[in-house]
Amino acid sequence: EGHPVLVVAEESFQFVQDEAYDAAQFLASCA
């Protein structure tokens, strides 16, 4: 409070495709 927002650190973060994502894509496509 009363101070500007400070960026302490930055990093990359990877969202990967897993079996659940594959299953959801398959089910959505076979409606």
Full PDB file with SEQRES, HELIX, SHEET, SSBOND, CRYST1, ORIGX, SCALE, CONECT and MASTER records, all heavy atoms in Angstrom:
SEQRES   1 A   31  GLU GLY HIS PRO VAL LEU VAL VAL ALA GLU GLU SER PHE          
SEQRES   2 A   31  GLN PHE VAL GLN ASP GLU ALA TYR ASP ALA ALA GLN PHE          
SEQRES   3 A   31  LEU ALA SER CYS ALA                                          
HELIX    1 AA1 GLU A   19  SER A   29  1                                  11    
CRYST1    1.000    1.000    1.000  90.00  90.00  90.00 P 1           1          
ORIGX1      1.000000  0.000000  0.000000        0.00000                         
ORIGX2      0.000000  1.000000  0.000000        0.00000                         
ORIGX3      0.000000  0.000000  1.000000        0.00000                         
SCALE1      1.000000  0.000000  0.000000        0.00000                         
SCALE2      0.000000  1.000000  0.000000        0.00000                         
SCALE3      0.000000  0.000000  1.000000        0.00000                         
ATOM      1  N   GLU A   1       0.833  -1.211   0.000  1.00  0.00           N  
ATOM      2  CA  GLU A   1       0.000   0.000   0.000  1.00  0.00           C  
ATOM      3  C   GLU A   1       0.865   1.256   0.000  1.00  0.00           C  
ATOM      4  O   GLU A   1       1.817   1.380   0.769  1.00  0.00           O  
ATOM      5  CB  GLU A   1      -0.912  -0.012   1.234  1.00  0.00           C  
ATOM      6  CG  GLU A   1      -2.046   0.994   1.120  1.00  0.00           C  
ATOM      7  CD  GLU A   1      -3.082   0.850   2.225  1.00  0.00           C  
ATOM      8  OE1 GLU A   1      -3.079  -0.186   2.923  1.00  0.00           O  
ATOM      9  OE2 GLU A   1      -3.881   1.779   2.369  1.00  0.00           O  
ATOM     10  N   GLY A   2       0.537   2.174  -0.934  1.00  0.00           N  
ATOM     11  CA  GLY A   2       1.275   3.431  -1.016  1.00  0.00           C  
ATOM     12  C   GLY A   2       2.538   3.360  -1.846  1.00  0.00           C  
ATOM     13  O   GLY A   2       3.248   4.353  -1.985  1.00  0.00           O  
ATOM     14  N   HIS A   3       2.849   2.171  -2.400  1.00  0.00           N  
ATOM     15  CA  HIS A   3       4.051   2.003  -3.220  1.00  0.00           C  
ATOM     16  C   HIS A   3       3.675   1.448  -4.590  1.00  0.00           C  
ATOM     17  O   HIS A   3       2.671   0.760  -4.733  1.00  0.00           O  
ATOM     18  CB  HIS A   3       5.034   1.032  -2.537  1.00  0.00           C  
ATOM     19  CG  HIS A   3       5.629   1.555  -1.273  1.00  0.00           C  
ATOM     20  ND1 HIS A   3       4.916   1.599  -0.093  1.00  0.00           N  
ATOM     21  CD2 HIS A   3       6.861   2.053  -1.000  1.00  0.00           C  
ATOM     22  CE1 HIS A   3       5.686   2.110   0.865  1.00  0.00           C  
ATOM     23  NE2 HIS A   3       6.883   2.392   0.335  1.00  0.00           N  
ATOM     24  N   PRO A   4       4.490   1.728  -5.611  1.00  0.00           N  
ATOM     25  CA  PRO A   4       4.214   1.154  -6.933  1.00  0.00           C  
ATOM     26  C   PRO A   4       4.431  -0.363  -6.924  1.00  0.00           C  
ATOM     27  O   PRO A   4       5.186  -0.886  -6.102  1.00  0.00           O  
ATOM     28  CB  PRO A   4       5.229   1.844  -7.856  1.00  0.00           C  
ATOM     29  CG  PRO A   4       6.318   2.308  -6.957  1.00  0.00           C  
ATOM     30  CD  PRO A   4       5.680   2.602  -5.629  1.00  0.00           C  
ATOM     31  N   VAL A   5       3.739  -1.056  -7.858  1.00  0.00           N  
ATOM     32  CA  VAL A   5       3.903  -2.509  -7.972  1.00  0.00           C  
ATOM     33  C   VAL A   5       5.303  -2.807  -8.498  1.00  0.00           C  
ATOM     34  O   VAL A   5       5.790  -2.178  -9.434  1.00  0.00           O  
ATOM     35  CB  VAL A   5       2.834  -3.093  -8.924  1.00  0.00           C  
ATOM     36  CG1 VAL A   5       3.113  -4.570  -9.197  1.00  0.00           C  
ATOM     37  CG2 VAL A   5       1.449  -2.920  -8.335  1.00  0.00           C  
ATOM     38  N   LEU A   6       5.960  -3.767  -7.870  1.00  0.00           N  
ATOM     39  CA  LEU A   6       7.332  -4.116  -8.232  1.00  0.00           C  
ATOM     40  C   LEU A   6       7.362  -5.504  -8.866  1.00  0.00           C  
ATOM     41  O   LEU A   6       6.782  -6.455  -8.332  1.00  0.00           O  
ATOM     42  CB  LEU A   6       8.199  -4.115  -6.966  1.00  0.00           C  
ATOM     43  CG  LEU A   6       9.662  -4.552  -7.104  1.00  0.00           C  
ATOM     44  CD1 LEU A   6      10.457  -3.520  -7.899  1.00  0.00           C  
ATOM     45  CD2 LEU A   6      10.273  -4.766  -5.731  1.00  0.00           C  
ATOM     46  N   VAL A   7       8.025  -5.631 -10.024  1.00  0.00           N  
ATOM     47  CA  VAL A   7       8.240  -6.950 -10.636  1.00  0.00           C  
ATOM     48  C   VAL A   7       9.514  -7.531 -10.020  1.00  0.00           C  
ATOM     49  O   VAL A   7      10.611  -7.024 -10.248  1.00  0.00           O  
ATOM     50  CB  VAL A   7       8.355  -6.865 -12.177  1.00  0.00           C  
ATOM     51  CG1 VAL A   7       8.650  -8.247 -12.760  1.00  0.00           C  
ATOM     52  CG2 VAL A   7       7.070  -6.307 -12.778  1.00  0.00           C  
ATOM     53  N   VAL A   8       9.354  -8.578  -9.223  1.00  0.00           N  
ATOM     54  CA  VAL A   8      10.468  -9.162  -8.475  1.00  0.00           C  
ATOM     55  C   VAL A   8      11.305 -10.089  -9.362  1.00  0.00           C  
ATOM     56  O   VAL A   8      12.525 -10.100  -9.312  1.00  0.00           O  
ATOM     57  CB  VAL A   8       9.934  -9.949  -7.252  1.00  0.00           C  
ATOM     58  CG1 VAL A   8      11.075 -10.610  -6.479  1.00  0.00           C  
ATOM     59  CG2 VAL A   8       9.132  -9.028  -6.347  1.00  0.00           C  
ATOM     60  N   ALA A   9      10.634 -10.880 -10.180  1.00  0.00           N  
ATOM     61  CA  ALA A   9      11.340 -11.843 -11.035  1.00  0.00           C  
ATOM     62  C   ALA A   9      10.449 -12.252 -12.197  1.00  0.00           C  
ATOM     63  O   ALA A   9       9.217 -12.127 -12.119  1.00  0.00           O  
ATOM     64  CB  ALA A   9      11.728 -13.074 -10.231  1.00  0.00           C  
ATOM     65  N   GLU A  10      11.076 -12.730 -13.276  1.00  0.00           N  
ATOM     66  CA  GLU A  10      10.328 -13.224 -14.433  1.00  0.00           C  
ATOM     67  C   GLU A  10      10.880 -14.580 -14.854  1.00  0.00           C  
ATOM     68  O   GLU A  10      12.069 -14.846 -14.713  1.00  0.00           O  
ATOM     69  CB  GLU A  10      10.426 -12.241 -15.611  1.00  0.00           C  
ATOM     70  CG  GLU A  10       9.619 -10.965 -15.400  1.00  0.00           C  
ATOM     71  CD  GLU A  10       9.634 -10.065 -16.630  1.00  0.00           C  
ATOM     72  OE1 GLU A  10      10.707  -9.963 -17.263  1.00  0.00           O  
ATOM     73  OE2 GLU A  10       8.585  -9.479 -16.938  1.00  0.00           O  
ATOM     74  N   GLU A  11      10.000 -15.421 -15.351  1.00  0.00           N  
ATOM     75  CA  GLU A  11      10.397 -16.769 -15.767  1.00  0.00           C  
ATOM     76  C   GLU A  11       9.418 -17.247 -16.838  1.00  0.00           C  
ATOM     77  O   GLU A  11       8.347 -16.658 -17.011  1.00  0.00           O  
ATOM     78  CB  GLU A  11      10.361 -17.699 -14.538  1.00  0.00           C  
ATOM     79  CG  GLU A  11      10.882 -19.111 -14.738  1.00  0.00           C  
ATOM     80  CD  GLU A  11      12.284 -19.164 -15.295  1.00  0.00           C  
ATOM     81  OE1 GLU A  11      13.257 -19.156 -14.523  1.00  0.00           O  
ATOM     82  OE2 GLU A  11      12.380 -19.194 -16.547  1.00  0.00           O  
ATOM     83  N   SER A  12       9.795 -18.284 -17.559  1.00  0.00           N  
ATOM     84  CA  SER A  12       8.854 -18.869 -18.520  1.00  0.00           C  
ATOM     85  C   SER A  12       8.186 -20.080 -17.886  1.00  0.00           C  
ATOM     86  O   SER A  12       8.750 -20.716 -16.983  1.00  0.00           O  
ATOM     87  CB  SER A  12       9.573 -19.265 -19.810  1.00  0.00           C  
ATOM     88  OG  SER A  12      10.579 -20.215 -19.525  1.00  0.00           O  
ATOM     89  N   PHE A  13       6.974 -20.380 -18.335  1.00  0.00           N  
ATOM     90  CA  PHE A  13       6.170 -21.459 -17.764  1.00  0.00           C  
ATOM     91  C   PHE A  13       5.484 -22.153 -18.929  1.00  0.00           C  
ATOM     92  O   PHE A  13       4.862 -21.501 -19.758  1.00  0.00           O  
ATOM     93  CB  PHE A  13       5.143 -20.862 -16.793  1.00  0.00           C  
ATOM     94  CG  PHE A  13       4.335 -21.866 -16.018  1.00  0.00           C  
ATOM     95  CD1 PHE A  13       4.789 -22.362 -14.803  1.00  0.00           C  
ATOM     96  CD2 PHE A  13       3.098 -22.292 -16.485  1.00  0.00           C  
ATOM     97  CE1 PHE A  13       4.035 -23.271 -14.080  1.00  0.00           C  
ATOM     98  CE2 PHE A  13       2.340 -23.197 -15.764  1.00  0.00           C  
ATOM     99  CZ  PHE A  13       2.808 -23.689 -14.564  1.00  0.00           C  
ATOM    100  N   GLN A  14       5.597 -23.474 -18.993  1.00  0.00           N  
ATOM    101  CA  GLN A  14       5.082 -24.177 -20.156  1.00  0.00           C  
ATOM    102  C   GLN A  14       3.815 -24.973 -19.831  1.00  0.00           C  
ATOM    103  O   GLN A  14       3.792 -25.756 -18.891  1.00  0.00           O  
ATOM    104  CB  GLN A  14       6.149 -25.133 -20.710  1.00  0.00           C  
ATOM    105  CG  GLN A  14       5.784 -25.712 -22.066  1.00  0.00           C  
ATOM    106  CD  GLN A  14       6.895 -26.567 -22.643  1.00  0.00           C  
ATOM    107  OE1 GLN A  14       7.878 -26.871 -21.966  1.00  0.00           O  
ATOM    108  NE2 GLN A  14       6.744 -26.968 -23.897  1.00  0.00           N  
ATOM    109  N   PHE A  15       2.774 -24.722 -20.620  1.00  0.00           N  
ATOM    110  CA  PHE A  15       1.558 -25.528 -20.531  1.00  0.00           C  
ATOM    111  C   PHE A  15       1.686 -26.642 -21.565  1.00  0.00           C  
ATOM    112  O   PHE A  15       1.849 -26.368 -22.755  1.00  0.00           O  
ATOM    113  CB  PHE A  15       0.309 -24.685 -20.826  1.00  0.00           C  
ATOM    114  CG  PHE A  15      -0.068 -23.762 -19.701  1.00  0.00           C  
ATOM    115  CD1 PHE A  15       0.363 -22.444 -19.684  1.00  0.00           C  
ATOM    116  CD2 PHE A  15      -0.850 -24.208 -18.644  1.00  0.00           C  
ATOM    117  CE1 PHE A  15       0.020 -21.585 -18.638  1.00  0.00           C  
ATOM    118  CE2 PHE A  15      -1.192 -23.364 -17.594  1.00  0.00           C  
ATOM    119  CZ  PHE A  15      -0.756 -22.060 -17.599  1.00  0.00           C  
ATOM    120  N   VAL A  16       1.647 -27.892 -21.111  1.00  0.00           N  
ATOM    121  CA  VAL A  16       1.868 -29.020 -22.019  1.00  0.00           C  
ATOM    122  C   VAL A  16       0.573 -29.793 -22.248  1.00  0.00           C  
ATOM    123  O   VAL A  16      -0.355 -29.736 -21.446  1.00  0.00           O  
ATOM    124  CB  VAL A  16       2.946 -29.986 -21.469  1.00  0.00           C  
ATOM    125  CG1 VAL A  16       4.299 -29.287 -21.368  1.00  0.00           C  
ATOM    126  CG2 VAL A  16       2.546 -30.557 -20.119  1.00  0.00           C  
ATOM    127  N   GLN A  17       0.549 -30.499 -23.355  1.00  0.00           N  
ATOM    128  CA  GLN A  17      -0.620 -31.303 -23.697  1.00  0.00           C  
ATOM    129  C   GLN A  17      -0.508 -32.659 -23.004  1.00  0.00           C  
ATOM    130  O   GLN A  17       0.486 -33.365 -23.178  1.00  0.00           O  
ATOM    131  CB  GLN A  17      -0.685 -31.483 -25.215  1.00  0.00           C  
ATOM    132  CG  GLN A  17      -1.972 -32.122 -25.694  1.00  0.00           C  
ATOM    133  CD  GLN A  17      -2.284 -31.768 -27.138  1.00  0.00           C  
ATOM    134  OE1 GLN A  17      -1.820 -30.747 -27.642  1.00  0.00           O  
ATOM    135  NE2 GLN A  17      -3.046 -32.596 -27.805  1.00  0.00           N  
ATOM    136  N   ASP A  18      -1.512 -33.019 -22.205  1.00  0.00           N  
ATOM    137  CA  ASP A  18      -1.486 -34.309 -21.520  1.00  0.00           C  
ATOM    138  C   ASP A  18      -2.628 -35.197 -22.007  1.00  0.00           C  
ATOM    139  O   ASP A  18      -3.384 -34.835 -22.905  1.00  0.00           O  
ATOM    140  CB  ASP A  18      -1.541 -34.116 -20.002  1.00  0.00           C  
ATOM    141  CG  ASP A  18      -2.811 -33.408 -19.542  1.00  0.00           C  
ATOM    142  OD1 ASP A  18      -3.698 -33.155 -20.396  1.00  0.00           O  
ATOM    143  OD2 ASP A  18      -2.930 -33.112 -18.345  1.00  0.00           O  
ATOM    144  N   GLU A  19      -2.762 -36.366 -21.391  1.00  0.00           N  
ATOM    145  CA  GLU A  19      -3.784 -37.332 -21.831  1.00  0.00           C  
ATOM    146  C   GLU A  19      -5.196 -36.783 -21.658  1.00  0.00           C  
ATOM    147  O   GLU A  19      -6.082 -37.049 -22.475  1.00  0.00           O  
ATOM    148  CB  GLU A  19      -3.648 -38.649 -21.039  1.00  0.00           C  
ATOM    149  CG  GLU A  19      -2.402 -39.451 -21.340  1.00  0.00           C  
ATOM    150  CD  GLU A  19      -1.211 -39.026 -20.486  1.00  0.00           C  
ATOM    151  OE1 GLU A  19      -1.295 -37.981 -19.800  1.00  0.00           O  
ATOM    152  OE2 GLU A  19      -0.192 -39.744 -20.515  1.00  0.00           O  
ATOM    153  N   ALA A  20      -5.413 -36.013 -20.585  1.00  0.00           N  
ATOM    154  CA  ALA A  20      -6.753 -35.462 -20.348  1.00  0.00           C  
ATOM    155  C   ALA A  20      -7.130 -34.475 -21.454  1.00  0.00           C  
ATOM    156  O   ALA A  20      -8.269 -34.459 -21.932  1.00  0.00           O  
ATOM    157  CB  ALA A  20      -6.800 -34.769 -18.987  1.00  0.00           C  
ATOM    158  N   TYR A  21      -6.149 -33.665 -21.867  1.00  0.00           N  
ATOM    159  CA  TYR A  21      -6.388 -32.698 -22.949  1.00  0.00           C  
ATOM    160  C   TYR A  21      -6.686 -33.446 -24.255  1.00  0.00           C  
ATOM    161  O   TYR A  21      -7.599 -33.091 -24.997  1.00  0.00           O  
ATOM    162  CB  TYR A  21      -5.162 -31.800 -23.092  1.00  0.00           C  
ATOM    163  CG  TYR A  21      -5.343 -30.612 -24.016  1.00  0.00           C  
ATOM    164  CD1 TYR A  21      -5.829 -29.403 -23.533  1.00  0.00           C  
ATOM    165  CD2 TYR A  21      -5.022 -30.699 -25.370  1.00  0.00           C  
ATOM    166  CE1 TYR A  21      -5.988 -28.308 -24.373  1.00  0.00           C  
ATOM    167  CE2 TYR A  21      -5.181 -29.611 -26.215  1.00  0.00           C  
ATOM    168  CZ  TYR A  21      -5.658 -28.416 -25.708  1.00  0.00           C  
ATOM    169  OH  TYR A  21      -5.816 -27.338 -26.540  1.00  0.00           O  
ATOM    170  N   ASP A  22      -5.895 -34.501 -24.516  1.00  0.00           N  
ATOM    171  CA  ASP A  22      -6.124 -35.319 -25.720  1.00  0.00           C  
ATOM    172  C   ASP A  22      -7.519 -35.932 -25.701  1.00  0.00           C  
ATOM    173  O   ASP A  22      -8.222 -35.946 -26.714  1.00  0.00           O  
ATOM    174  CB  ASP A  22      -5.087 -36.453 -25.801  1.00  0.00           C  
ATOM    175  CG  ASP A  22      -3.694 -35.944 -26.156  1.00  0.00           C  
ATOM    176  OD1 ASP A  22      -3.603 -34.843 -26.744  1.00  0.00           O  
ATOM    177  OD2 ASP A  22      -2.713 -36.648 -25.853  1.00  0.00           O  
ATOM    178  N   ALA A  23      -7.906 -36.460 -24.527  1.00  0.00           N  
ATOM    179  CA  ALA A  23      -9.215 -37.102 -24.398  1.00  0.00           C  
ATOM    180  C   ALA A  23     -10.342 -36.092 -24.630  1.00  0.00           C  
ATOM    181  O   ALA A  23     -11.319 -36.385 -25.333  1.00  0.00           O  
ATOM    182  CB  ALA A  23      -9.352 -37.732 -23.012  1.00  0.00           C  
ATOM    183  N   ALA A  24     -10.207 -34.890 -24.052  1.00  0.00           N  
ATOM    184  CA  ALA A  24     -11.231 -33.856 -24.220  1.00  0.00           C  
ATOM    185  C   ALA A  24     -11.341 -33.444 -25.684  1.00  0.00           C  
ATOM    186  O   ALA A  24     -12.447 -33.277 -26.221  1.00  0.00           O  
ATOM    187  CB  ALA A  24     -10.913 -32.647 -23.345  1.00  0.00           C  
ATOM    188  N   GLN A  25     -10.202 -33.278 -26.358  1.00  0.00           N  
ATOM    189  CA  GLN A  25     -10.221 -32.917 -27.776  1.00  0.00           C  
ATOM    190  C   GLN A  25     -10.888 -34.004 -28.610  1.00  0.00           C  
ATOM    191  O   GLN A  25     -11.675 -33.721 -29.511  1.00  0.00           O  
ATOM    192  CB  GLN A  25      -8.795 -32.681 -28.275  1.00  0.00           C  
ATOM    193  CG  GLN A  25      -8.251 -31.311 -27.942  1.00  0.00           C  
ATOM    194  CD  GLN A  25      -7.028 -30.976 -28.787  1.00  0.00           C  
ATOM    195  OE1 GLN A  25      -6.142 -31.804 -28.957  1.00  0.00           O  
ATOM    196  NE2 GLN A  25      -6.981 -29.780 -29.314  1.00  0.00           N  
ATOM    197  N   PHE A  26     -10.554 -35.264 -28.306  1.00  0.00           N  
ATOM    198  CA  PHE A  26     -11.140 -36.389 -29.039  1.00  0.00           C  
ATOM    199  C   PHE A  26     -12.654 -36.416 -28.851  1.00  0.00           C  
ATOM    200  O   PHE A  26     -13.420 -36.527 -29.810  1.00  0.00           O  
ATOM    201  CB  PHE A  26     -10.516 -37.709 -28.572  1.00  0.00           C  
ATOM    202  CG  PHE A  26     -11.224 -38.936 -29.086  1.00  0.00           C  
ATOM    203  CD1 PHE A  26     -11.115 -39.295 -30.425  1.00  0.00           C  
ATOM    204  CD2 PHE A  26     -11.997 -39.714 -28.240  1.00  0.00           C  
ATOM    205  CE1 PHE A  26     -11.785 -40.422 -30.911  1.00  0.00           C  
ATOM    206  CE2 PHE A  26     -12.659 -40.829 -28.718  1.00  0.00           C  
ATOM    207  CZ  PHE A  26     -12.558 -41.184 -30.056  1.00  0.00           C  
ATOM    208  N   LEU A  27     -13.100 -36.294 -27.592  1.00  0.00           N  
ATOM    209  CA  LEU A  27     -14.534 -36.351 -27.307  1.00  0.00           C  
ATOM    210  C   LEU A  27     -15.280 -35.182 -27.946  1.00  0.00           C  
ATOM    211  O   LEU A  27     -16.372 -35.355 -28.500  1.00  0.00           O  
ATOM    212  CB  LEU A  27     -14.771 -36.367 -25.793  1.00  0.00           C  
ATOM    213  CG  LEU A  27     -14.346 -37.654 -25.080  1.00  0.00           C  
ATOM    214  CD1 LEU A  27     -14.375 -37.466 -23.568  1.00  0.00           C  
ATOM    215  CD2 LEU A  27     -15.248 -38.820 -25.484  1.00  0.00           C  
ATOM    216  N   ALA A  28     -14.682 -33.995 -27.884  1.00  0.00           N  
ATOM    217  CA  ALA A  28     -15.328 -32.817 -28.491  1.00  0.00           C  
ATOM    218  C   ALA A  28     -15.472 -32.997 -29.993  1.00  0.00           C  
ATOM    219  O   ALA A  28     -16.484 -32.610 -30.590  1.00  0.00           O  
ATOM    220  CB  ALA A  28     -14.511 -31.561 -28.184  1.00  0.00           C  
ATOM    221  N   SER A  29     -14.459 -33.613 -30.618  1.00  0.00           N  
ATOM    222  CA  SER A  29     -14.484 -33.769 -32.075  1.00  0.00           C  
ATOM    223  C   SER A  29     -15.421 -34.887 -32.530  1.00  0.00           C  
ATOM    224  O   SER A  29     -15.849 -34.906 -33.674  1.00  0.00           O  
ATOM    225  CB  SER A  29     -13.069 -34.035 -32.609  1.00  0.00           C  
ATOM    226  OG  SER A  29     -12.616 -35.294 -32.151  1.00  0.00           O  
ATOM    227  N   CYS A  30     -15.754 -35.832 -31.600  1.00  0.00           N  
ATOM    228  CA  CYS A  30     -16.598 -36.943 -32.043  1.00  0.00           C  
ATOM    229  C   CYS A  30     -18.052 -36.794 -31.600  1.00  0.00           C  
ATOM    230  O   CYS A  30     -18.820 -37.758 -31.649  1.00  0.00           O  
ATOM    231  CB  CYS A  30     -16.018 -38.288 -31.610  1.00  0.00           C  
ATOM    232  SG  CYS A  30     -16.150 -38.668 -29.863  1.00  0.00           S  
ATOM    233  N   ALA A  31     -18.457 -35.594 -31.186  1.00  0.00           N  
ATOM    234  CA  ALA A  31     -19.869 -35.351 -30.875  1.00  0.00           C  
ATOM    235  C   ALA A  31     -20.684 -35.622 -32.141  1.00  0.00           C  
ATOM    236  O   ALA A  31     -20.446 -35.024 -33.183  1.00  0.00           O  
ATOM    237  CB  ALA A  31     -20.071 -33.910 -30.412  1.00  0.00           C  
TER     238      ALA A  31                                                      
MASTER        0    0    0    1    0    0    0    6  237    1    0    3          
END                                                                             
